[in-house]
Amino acid sequence: MRKLIVLALVGLGAQLVDGSLGMGYGVTSSTLLVLAGLTPAAASASVHFSELGTNLASGVAHWRLGNVDWRVVGRIAGPGAIGAFAGATVLSALSTQAAAPLMAAILAALGLYIIIRFVLGVRPALKKALTFKFLAPLGLFAGFIDASGGGGWGPVATPALLVDGRMEPRKVIGSIDTSEFAVSMSASVGFLVGLGAAGINWGFALALLAGGLVAAPLAAYLVRIAPAHLLGIAVGGLILLTNSRTLLRTYDVSDPARFAVYGAVAALTLFGLRVAAQRVRRTASPAPAVDERASESVGV
């Protein structure tokens, strides 16, 4: 019972992060389940079944708050579902650990770029809509990574759309969260085919689901009210930190060096948030009454 309560709290925290930053639920939950003794395939299966409920609740909440671009959802969800089914069936038979360092390096670079771009305030012009030619391969790849790695839909798709720059951050997060329901559904079917119902820990899945359902509405509200620059830098920092950790552990880097890297990433993120917060305050503050003071001086 204690383990189930802990898992419910993990589900709550993971969904709060995932729903407000666009990533984190699958990676966080899968890591804990593997530590609890489940095989990678069983852990990913349990997480994806719990995501059926959390993704649905999160998608509805984002939709009600205007965070969803349905054209993007329609173009990325189908390819994502195909990739997820393939990833689930592959993971049921073999491991994809060899691809982890390469993916982590790519995502860490994207995370760093996102931080720099939002700190500098550089945003590409929102001219053309996102096309199927761009979204379909992205969805296919992100879906495969998500199912085969226990998480990855958000970490792959969210930074790709943020870097592209044609959507504001809250709509990127809302659209990716909403489309993830199709990915989780397809991955769950793939795991049922590959593992069978007996290979899934239903108690763990339900505990994660219970916590996630509580957090979904709050996370959707947070992403709506958070300033775009602050949200973008927070997402970039999370991507950079989590993927730097993967790279450093893969190559067995010493603890002092790892902690130095973590500290540098945290310092960079906090610096970026400070710069962005100052920009938000300057934008929100009313302009000084220059004309009034000038008229007073003229009157004197």
Protein backbone atom coordinates (compact mmCIF):
# COMPACT_ATOMS: atom_id res chain seq x y z
CA MET A 1 0.00 0.00 0.00
CA ARG A 2 2.84 2.38 0.85
CA LYS A 3 4.39 1.80 -2.58
CA LEU A 4 1.09 2.57 -4.30
CA ILE A 5 0.71 5.82 -2.34
CA VAL A 6 4.24 6.84 -3.32
CA LEU A 7 3.47 6.02 -6.96
CA ALA A 8 0.30 8.13 -6.80
CA LEU A 9 2.35 11.08 -5.51
CA VAL A 10 4.90 10.50 -8.27
CA GLY A 11 2.07 10.48 -10.81
CA LEU A 12 0.78 13.76 -9.40
CA GLY A 13 4.18 15.44 -9.54
CA ALA A 14 5.06 14.01 -12.95
CA GLN A 15 1.77 15.14 -14.48
CA LEU A 16 2.13 18.60 -12.94
CA VAL A 17 5.49 18.93 -14.67
CA ASP A 18 4.34 17.28 -17.90
CA GLY A 19 1.13 19.26 -18.23
CA SER A 20 2.79 22.61 -17.55
CA LEU A 21 6.12 22.08 -19.35
CA GLY A 22 5.16 19.53 -22.01
CA MET A 23 7.37 16.67 -20.84
CA GLY A 24 8.43 14.56 -17.88
CA TYR A 25 5.58 12.16 -17.03
CA GLY A 26 6.80 9.10 -18.91
CA VAL A 27 10.49 9.54 -18.16
CA THR A 28 9.93 10.18 -14.44
CA SER A 29 7.41 7.40 -13.94
CA SER A 30 9.28 4.80 -16.01
CA THR A 31 12.50 5.47 -14.12
CA LEU A 32 10.78 4.84 -10.78
CA LEU A 33 9.08 1.66 -12.00
CA VAL A 34 12.38 0.24 -13.25
CA LEU A 35 13.93 1.04 -9.87
CA ALA A 36 10.99 -0.76 -8.27
CA GLY A 37 11.97 -3.93 -10.14
CA LEU A 38 9.89 -3.91 -13.33
CA THR A 39 11.49 -4.73 -16.66
CA PRO A 40 11.78 -1.79 -19.10
CA ALA A 41 8.95 -3.19 -21.22
CA ALA A 42 6.64 -3.73 -18.23
CA ALA A 43 7.47 -0.28 -16.85
CA SER A 44 6.76 1.44 -20.17
CA ALA A 45 3.54 -0.54 -20.57
CA SER A 46 2.29 0.44 -17.10
CA VAL A 47 3.12 4.09 -17.71
CA HIS A 48 1.37 4.19 -21.08
CA PHE A 49 -1.79 2.61 -19.70
CA SER A 50 -1.86 5.20 -16.91
CA GLU A 51 -1.33 7.92 -19.53
CA LEU A 52 -4.59 7.01 -21.23
CA GLY A 53 -6.38 8.71 -18.36
CA THR A 54 -3.91 11.50 -17.65
CA ASN A 55 -3.57 12.46 -21.32
CA LEU A 56 -7.33 12.59 -21.75
CA ALA A 57 -7.78 14.77 -18.66
CA SER A 58 -4.86 16.99 -19.61
CA GLY A 59 -6.07 17.34 -23.21
CA VAL A 60 -9.56 18.38 -22.10
CA ALA A 61 -8.12 20.91 -19.65
CA HIS A 62 -5.79 22.40 -22.27
CA TRP A 63 -8.64 22.56 -24.81
CA ARG A 64 -10.94 24.39 -22.39
CA LEU A 65 -8.20 26.95 -21.70
CA GLY A 66 -7.42 27.54 -25.38
CA ASN A 67 -3.99 25.91 -25.39
CA VAL A 68 -4.59 23.51 -28.33
CA ASP A 69 -3.96 23.94 -32.07
CA TRP A 70 -6.11 21.17 -33.54
CA ARG A 71 -4.42 21.34 -36.95
CA VAL A 72 -1.14 20.39 -35.33
CA VAL A 73 -2.81 17.67 -33.26
CA GLY A 74 -4.41 16.18 -36.37
CA ARG A 75 -1.13 16.16 -38.30
CA ILE A 76 1.15 14.75 -35.60
CA ALA A 77 -1.08 12.32 -33.65
CA GLY A 78 -1.50 9.72 -36.43
CA PRO A 79 2.20 9.32 -37.26
CA GLY A 80 2.93 9.38 -33.53
CA ALA A 81 0.52 6.51 -32.95
CA ILE A 82 2.17 4.46 -35.71
CA GLY A 83 5.61 5.07 -34.24
CA ALA A 84 4.40 4.23 -30.73
CA PHE A 85 2.92 0.89 -31.80
CA ALA A 86 6.19 0.00 -33.54
CA GLY A 87 8.23 1.08 -30.51
CA ALA A 88 6.07 -0.93 -28.11
CA THR A 89 6.33 -4.14 -30.12
CA VAL A 90 10.10 -3.68 -30.55
CA LEU A 91 10.67 -3.00 -26.83
CA SER A 92 8.69 -6.10 -25.96
CA ALA A 93 11.41 -8.12 -27.69
CA LEU A 94 14.64 -6.10 -27.32
CA SER A 95 16.31 -3.03 -25.79
CA THR A 96 17.01 0.35 -27.40
CA GLN A 97 19.63 1.52 -24.88
CA ALA A 98 22.23 2.05 -27.60
CA ALA A 99 20.22 4.96 -29.01
CA ALA A 100 19.92 6.76 -25.65
CA PRO A 101 23.24 8.71 -25.76
CA LEU A 102 22.63 10.00 -29.29
CA MET A 103 19.09 11.11 -28.50
CA ALA A 104 20.24 12.71 -25.24
CA ALA A 105 22.95 14.68 -27.05
CA ILE A 106 20.49 15.99 -29.64
CA LEU A 107 17.92 16.96 -27.02
CA ALA A 108 20.52 18.60 -24.77
CA ALA A 109 21.64 20.74 -27.71
CA LEU A 110 18.01 21.68 -28.41
CA GLY A 111 17.48 22.56 -24.75
CA LEU A 112 20.51 24.86 -24.75
CA TYR A 113 19.33 26.52 -27.96
CA ILE A 114 15.86 27.10 -26.51
CA ILE A 115 17.30 28.78 -23.40
CA ILE A 116 19.55 31.06 -25.47
CA ARG A 117 16.76 31.97 -27.87
CA PHE A 118 14.30 32.92 -25.16
CA VAL A 119 16.92 34.80 -23.13
CA LEU A 120 17.79 36.88 -26.20
CA GLY A 121 14.12 37.25 -27.07
CA VAL A 122 14.68 35.88 -30.58
CA ARG A 123 11.57 34.35 -32.11
CA PRO A 124 11.19 33.47 -35.81
CA ALA A 125 8.31 35.18 -37.59
CA LEU A 126 5.07 33.21 -37.41
CA LYS A 127 4.47 33.09 -41.15
CA LYS A 128 3.51 29.64 -42.40
CA ALA A 129 1.51 26.98 -40.59
CA LEU A 130 3.26 23.79 -39.56
CA THR A 131 3.00 21.32 -42.43
CA PHE A 132 2.33 17.59 -42.48
CA LYS A 133 5.75 17.07 -44.09
CA PHE A 134 7.35 18.51 -40.95
CA LEU A 135 5.00 17.04 -38.34
CA ALA A 136 4.63 13.48 -39.70
CA PRO A 137 8.31 12.43 -39.44
CA LEU A 138 8.56 14.20 -36.09
CA GLY A 139 5.52 12.35 -34.77
CA LEU A 140 6.72 9.00 -36.11
CA PHE A 141 10.14 9.36 -34.47
CA ALA A 142 8.82 10.80 -31.19
CA GLY A 143 6.18 8.07 -30.91
CA PHE A 144 8.76 5.32 -31.43
CA ILE A 145 11.13 6.82 -28.84
CA ASP A 146 8.26 7.32 -26.39
CA ALA A 147 7.13 3.70 -26.43
CA SER A 148 10.55 2.06 -26.70
CA GLY A 149 12.18 4.27 -24.08
CA GLY A 150 9.35 4.55 -21.54
CA GLY A 151 8.95 8.25 -22.32
CA GLY A 152 10.00 10.72 -24.96
CA TRP A 153 6.95 12.09 -26.75
CA GLY A 154 7.22 15.40 -24.91
CA PRO A 155 11.05 15.62 -24.75
CA VAL A 156 11.32 15.00 -28.52
CA ALA A 157 8.25 16.78 -29.93
CA THR A 158 8.07 19.77 -27.57
CA PRO A 159 11.60 21.12 -28.16
CA ALA A 160 11.32 20.49 -31.90
CA LEU A 161 8.22 22.70 -32.12
CA LEU A 162 9.69 25.29 -29.75
CA VAL A 163 12.87 25.52 -31.82
CA ASP A 164 10.81 25.78 -35.02
CA GLY A 165 9.21 28.88 -33.49
CA ARG A 166 5.90 28.98 -35.35
CA MET A 167 3.77 28.35 -32.24
CA GLU A 168 3.70 30.09 -28.90
CA PRO A 169 4.95 27.87 -26.02
CA ARG A 170 1.59 27.33 -24.32
CA LYS A 171 0.06 26.03 -27.58
CA VAL A 172 3.06 23.81 -28.23
CA ILE A 173 2.64 22.23 -24.81
CA GLY A 174 -1.15 21.97 -25.04
CA SER A 175 -1.09 20.46 -28.54
CA ILE A 176 1.65 17.93 -27.71
CA ASP A 177 -0.13 16.92 -24.49
CA THR A 178 -3.44 16.49 -26.32
CA SER A 179 -1.98 14.46 -29.20
CA GLU A 180 -0.22 12.17 -26.72
CA PHE A 181 -3.51 10.38 -26.00
CA ALA A 182 -3.36 8.72 -29.44
CA VAL A 183 0.28 7.81 -28.84
CA SER A 184 -0.48 6.23 -25.46
CA MET A 185 -3.44 4.32 -26.87
CA SER A 186 -1.38 2.88 -29.71
CA ALA A 187 1.56 2.02 -27.44
CA SER A 188 -0.80 0.29 -24.99
CA VAL A 189 -2.19 -1.89 -27.78
CA GLY A 190 1.36 -2.71 -28.87
CA PHE A 191 2.32 -3.77 -25.35
CA LEU A 192 -0.80 -5.91 -25.02
CA VAL A 193 0.18 -7.66 -28.24
CA GLY A 194 3.81 -8.07 -27.20
CA LEU A 195 3.51 -8.79 -23.47
CA GLY A 196 -0.06 -9.86 -22.88
CA ALA A 197 -2.22 -8.56 -20.03
CA ALA A 198 -0.20 -10.55 -17.49
CA GLY A 199 2.93 -8.57 -18.33
CA ILE A 200 1.46 -5.27 -17.11
CA ASN A 201 1.34 -4.18 -13.46
CA TRP A 202 -2.19 -2.81 -13.32
CA GLY A 203 -1.89 -1.66 -9.70
CA PHE A 204 1.08 0.54 -10.51
CA ALA A 205 -0.68 1.90 -13.59
CA LEU A 206 -3.80 2.83 -11.60
CA ALA A 207 -1.74 4.49 -8.84
CA LEU A 208 0.08 6.67 -11.37
CA LEU A 209 -3.24 7.47 -13.05
CA ALA A 210 -4.87 8.58 -9.79
CA GLY A 211 -2.13 11.07 -9.05
CA GLY A 212 -1.99 12.33 -12.62
CA LEU A 213 -5.73 13.01 -12.79
CA VAL A 214 -5.50 15.32 -9.79
CA ALA A 215 -2.68 17.38 -11.34
CA ALA A 216 -3.95 17.67 -14.94
CA PRO A 217 -6.34 20.67 -14.57
CA LEU A 218 -3.86 22.65 -12.45
CA ALA A 219 -1.02 22.05 -14.93
CA ALA A 220 -3.15 23.27 -17.85
CA TYR A 221 -3.99 26.44 -15.92
CA LEU A 222 -0.33 27.09 -15.08
CA VAL A 223 0.74 26.84 -18.72
CA ARG A 224 -1.93 29.38 -19.71
CA ILE A 225 -0.96 32.08 -17.22
CA ALA A 226 2.83 31.62 -17.36
CA PRO A 227 4.66 34.23 -19.51
CA ALA A 228 5.96 32.75 -22.77
CA HIS A 229 9.62 33.62 -22.16
CA LEU A 230 9.62 32.17 -18.64
CA LEU A 231 7.90 29.02 -19.84
CA GLY A 232 10.29 28.58 -22.77
CA ILE A 233 13.39 28.94 -20.57
CA ALA A 234 11.97 26.54 -17.96
CA VAL A 235 11.32 23.96 -20.69
CA GLY A 236 14.80 24.44 -22.13
CA GLY A 237 16.41 24.06 -18.71
CA LEU A 238 14.48 20.87 -18.01
CA ILE A 239 15.47 19.40 -21.38
CA LEU A 240 19.13 20.33 -20.93
CA LEU A 241 19.33 19.04 -17.36
CA THR A 242 17.63 15.68 -17.91
CA ASN A 243 19.55 14.87 -21.07
CA SER A 244 22.88 16.02 -19.64
CA ARG A 245 22.25 13.61 -16.79
CA THR A 246 21.64 10.79 -19.27
CA LEU A 247 24.86 11.54 -21.15
CA LEU A 248 27.00 11.83 -18.03
CA ARG A 249 25.68 8.58 -16.57
CA THR A 250 26.08 6.76 -19.89
CA TYR A 251 29.78 7.60 -20.02
CA ASP A 252 30.31 7.06 -16.27
CA VAL A 253 31.55 10.59 -15.57
CA SER A 254 32.81 11.12 -12.01
CA ASP A 255 30.46 12.57 -9.39
CA PRO A 256 32.29 15.92 -8.96
CA ALA A 257 32.22 16.56 -12.70
CA ARG A 258 28.54 15.58 -12.94
CA PHE A 259 27.56 17.88 -10.09
CA ALA A 260 29.55 20.72 -11.66
CA VAL A 261 27.62 20.27 -14.92
CA TYR A 262 24.28 20.13 -13.07
CA GLY A 263 25.20 23.31 -11.20
CA ALA A 264 26.16 25.07 -14.43
CA VAL A 265 22.88 24.09 -16.08
CA ALA A 266 20.89 25.24 -13.04
CA ALA A 267 22.79 28.55 -12.93
CA LEU A 268 22.23 29.13 -16.65
CA THR A 269 18.51 28.40 -16.30
CA LEU A 270 18.11 30.67 -13.27
CA PHE A 271 20.00 33.45 -15.06
CA GLY A 272 17.74 33.06 -18.07
CA LEU A 273 14.61 33.14 -15.90
CA ARG A 274 15.85 36.32 -14.22
CA VAL A 275 16.50 38.04 -17.54
CA ALA A 276 13.10 36.93 -18.87
CA ALA A 277 11.32 38.05 -15.70
CA GLN A 278 12.89 41.49 -15.99
CA ARG A 279 11.73 41.67 -19.61
CA VAL A 280 8.19 40.70 -18.58
CA ARG A 281 8.13 43.37 -15.86
CA ARG A 282 9.35 46.04 -18.29
CA THR A 283 6.67 45.05 -20.77
CA ALA A 284 3.91 45.01 -18.16
CA SER A 285 4.87 48.25 -16.38
CA PRO A 286 3.10 51.41 -17.62
CA ALA A 287 5.15 53.97 -19.50
CA PRO A 288 6.27 56.98 -17.43
CA ALA A 289 4.16 60.09 -17.79
CA VAL A 290 6.74 62.01 -19.81
CA ASP A 291 4.22 64.30 -21.45
CA GLU A 292 2.71 65.28 -18.11
CA ARG A 293 6.07 66.19 -16.58
CA ALA A 294 7.00 68.09 -19.72
CA SER A 295 3.78 70.10 -19.63
CA GLU A 296 4.36 70.94 -15.97
CA SER A 297 7.85 72.23 -16.72
CA VAL A 298 6.47 74.31 -19.59
CA GLY A 299 3.82 75.76 -17.31
CA VAL A 300 6.46 76.82 -14.81
